[in-house]
């Protein structure tokens, strides 16, 4: 579960799809005990929740780094380690 970025107490991670890809490209955002899963292209909350301020920060960060997130997804699914992504 590579950590792609960390900012304002939020941790962004991405996972390998075990047994082959079956979900849309997505990432996980963690803040304290809260977890949210965001789909890519378009960026949208797919599951879970975050406090309002953190949700806005994650969404703004993801919009800025959408191409890098998609590249990280492709690298991870092909068995390679994605590069870190700059924080907000």
C-alpha atoms as a PDB file:
ATOM      1  CA  UNK A   1       0.000   0.000   0.000  1.00  0.00           C
ATOM      2  CA  UNK A   2       2.252   2.776  -1.195  1.00  0.00           C
ATOM      3  CA  UNK A   3       1.826   6.177   0.377  1.00  0.00           C
ATOM      4  CA  UNK A   4       1.667   8.693  -2.450  1.00  0.00           C
ATOM      5  CA  UNK A   5       1.389  11.902  -0.463  1.00  0.00           C
ATOM      6  CA  UNK A   6       0.806  13.404   2.972  1.00  0.00           C
ATOM      7  CA  UNK A   7      -0.487  16.876   3.785  1.00  0.00           C
ATOM      8  CA  UNK A   8      -2.417  18.580   6.609  1.00  0.00           C
ATOM      9  CA  UNK A   9      -2.756  15.285   8.483  1.00  0.00           C
ATOM     10  CA  UNK A  10      -4.193  13.534   5.405  1.00  0.00           C
ATOM     11  CA  UNK A  11      -2.499  10.434   4.008  1.00  0.00           C
ATOM     12  CA  UNK A  12      -3.066   9.402   0.384  1.00  0.00           C
ATOM     13  CA  UNK A  13      -2.530   5.744  -0.519  1.00  0.00           C
ATOM     14  CA  UNK A  14      -3.154   3.542  -3.517  1.00  0.00           C
ATOM     15  CA  UNK A  15      -3.468  -0.248  -3.592  1.00  0.00           C
ATOM     16  CA  UNK A  16      -2.783  -3.008  -6.094  1.00  0.00           C
ATOM     17  CA  UNK A  17      -5.951  -4.699  -7.340  1.00  0.00           C
ATOM     18  CA  UNK A  18      -5.513  -8.302  -6.192  1.00  0.00           C
ATOM     19  CA  UNK A  19      -6.484 -10.873  -8.820  1.00  0.00           C
ATOM     20  CA  UNK A  20      -6.574  -8.339 -11.627  1.00  0.00           C
ATOM     21  CA  UNK A  21      -8.111  -4.937 -12.089  1.00  0.00           C
ATOM     22  CA  UNK A  22     -11.839  -4.827 -11.358  1.00  0.00           C
ATOM     23  CA  UNK A  23     -12.439  -1.291 -10.074  1.00  0.00           C
ATOM     24  CA  UNK A  24     -12.121   2.140 -11.599  1.00  0.00           C
ATOM     25  CA  UNK A  25      -8.778   3.776 -10.885  1.00  0.00           C
ATOM     26  CA  UNK A  26      -9.018   5.197  -7.375  1.00  0.00           C
ATOM     27  CA  UNK A  27      -7.101   6.236  -4.273  1.00  0.00           C
ATOM     28  CA  UNK A  28      -7.726   6.158  -0.548  1.00  0.00           C
ATOM     29  CA  UNK A  29      -7.554   9.240   1.683  1.00  0.00           C
ATOM     30  CA  UNK A  30      -7.075   8.794   5.441  1.00  0.00           C
ATOM     31  CA  UNK A  31      -7.612  11.425   8.099  1.00  0.00           C
ATOM     32  CA  UNK A  32      -7.610  10.212  11.700  1.00  0.00           C
ATOM     33  CA  UNK A  33     -10.197   7.419  11.856  1.00  0.00           C
ATOM     34  CA  UNK A  34     -11.949   8.551   8.670  1.00  0.00           C
ATOM     35  CA  UNK A  35     -11.365   6.955   5.259  1.00  0.00           C
ATOM     36  CA  UNK A  36     -12.629   8.035   1.861  1.00  0.00           C
ATOM     37  CA  UNK A  37     -12.129   6.415  -1.531  1.00  0.00           C
ATOM     38  CA  UNK A  38     -11.965   8.720  -4.544  1.00  0.00           C
ATOM     39  CA  UNK A  39     -12.429   7.564  -8.129  1.00  0.00           C
ATOM     40  CA  UNK A  40     -10.332   9.173 -10.859  1.00  0.00           C
ATOM     41  CA  UNK A  41     -11.512  10.604 -14.186  1.00  0.00           C
ATOM     42  CA  UNK A  42     -13.649  12.261 -13.015  1.00  0.00           C
ATOM     43  CA  UNK A  43     -12.532  12.766  -9.447  1.00  0.00           C
ATOM     44  CA  UNK A  44     -15.446  11.916  -7.206  1.00  0.00           C
ATOM     45  CA  UNK A  45     -16.083  10.456  -3.784  1.00  0.00           C
ATOM     46  CA  UNK A  46     -16.854   6.768  -4.319  1.00  0.00           C
ATOM     47  CA  UNK A  47     -17.114   5.563  -0.709  1.00  0.00           C
ATOM     48  CA  UNK A  48     -16.506   6.619   2.859  1.00  0.00           C
ATOM     49  CA  UNK A  49     -16.283  10.145   4.187  1.00  0.00           C
ATOM     50  CA  UNK A  50     -13.963  12.819   5.499  1.00  0.00           C
ATOM     51  CA  UNK A  51     -14.677  15.989   7.445  1.00  0.00           C
ATOM     52  CA  UNK A  52     -15.738  18.804   5.113  1.00  0.00           C
ATOM     53  CA  UNK A  53     -12.450  20.760   5.222  1.00  0.00           C
ATOM     54  CA  UNK A  54     -10.324  17.655   4.577  1.00  0.00           C
ATOM     55  CA  UNK A  55     -12.671  16.538   1.795  1.00  0.00           C
ATOM     56  CA  UNK A  56     -12.180  19.867   0.040  1.00  0.00           C
ATOM     57  CA  UNK A  57      -8.399  19.679   0.473  1.00  0.00           C
ATOM     58  CA  UNK A  58      -8.258  16.154  -0.970  1.00  0.00           C
ATOM     59  CA  UNK A  59     -10.458  17.083  -3.918  1.00  0.00           C
ATOM     60  CA  UNK A  60      -8.382  20.200  -4.697  1.00  0.00           C
ATOM     61  CA  UNK A  61      -5.145  18.188  -4.448  1.00  0.00           C
ATOM     62  CA  UNK A  62      -6.523  15.429  -6.673  1.00  0.00           C
ATOM     63  CA  UNK A  63      -7.630  17.924  -9.330  1.00  0.00           C
ATOM     64  CA  UNK A  64      -4.110  19.369  -9.421  1.00  0.00           C
ATOM     65  CA  UNK A  65      -2.487  15.932  -9.657  1.00  0.00           C
ATOM     66  CA  UNK A  66      -4.994  13.892 -11.667  1.00  0.00           C
ATOM     67  CA  UNK A  67      -2.498  12.946 -14.400  1.00  0.00           C
ATOM     68  CA  UNK A  68       0.053  11.859 -11.796  1.00  0.00           C
ATOM     69  CA  UNK A  69      -2.580   9.811  -9.967  1.00  0.00           C
ATOM     70  CA  UNK A  70      -3.563   8.024 -13.180  1.00  0.00           C
ATOM     71  CA  UNK A  71       0.120   7.328 -13.931  1.00  0.00           C
ATOM     72  CA  UNK A  72       0.605   6.005 -10.375  1.00  0.00           C
ATOM     73  CA  UNK A  73      -2.412   3.706 -10.853  1.00  0.00           C
ATOM     74  CA  UNK A  74      -0.966   2.285 -14.065  1.00  0.00           C
ATOM     75  CA  UNK A  75       2.467   1.754 -12.511  1.00  0.00           C
ATOM     76  CA  UNK A  76       1.043   0.071  -9.432  1.00  0.00           C
ATOM     77  CA  UNK A  77      -1.246  -2.248 -11.402  1.00  0.00           C
ATOM     78  CA  UNK A  78       1.692  -3.312 -13.584  1.00  0.00           C
ATOM     79  CA  UNK A  79       3.714  -4.278 -10.504  1.00  0.00           C
ATOM     80  CA  UNK A  80       5.906  -1.194 -10.315  1.00  0.00           C
ATOM     81  CA  UNK A  81       6.257   1.306  -7.500  1.00  0.00           C
ATOM     82  CA  UNK A  82       4.625   4.688  -8.186  1.00  0.00           C
ATOM     83  CA  UNK A  83       6.469   7.923  -7.556  1.00  0.00           C
ATOM     84  CA  UNK A  84       5.493  10.154  -4.641  1.00  0.00           C
ATOM     85  CA  UNK A  85       3.194  13.056  -5.505  1.00  0.00           C
ATOM     86  CA  UNK A  86       3.810  16.560  -4.144  1.00  0.00           C
ATOM     87  CA  UNK A  87       1.632  17.562  -1.198  1.00  0.00           C
ATOM     88  CA  UNK A  88      -0.807  20.441  -1.224  1.00  0.00           C
END
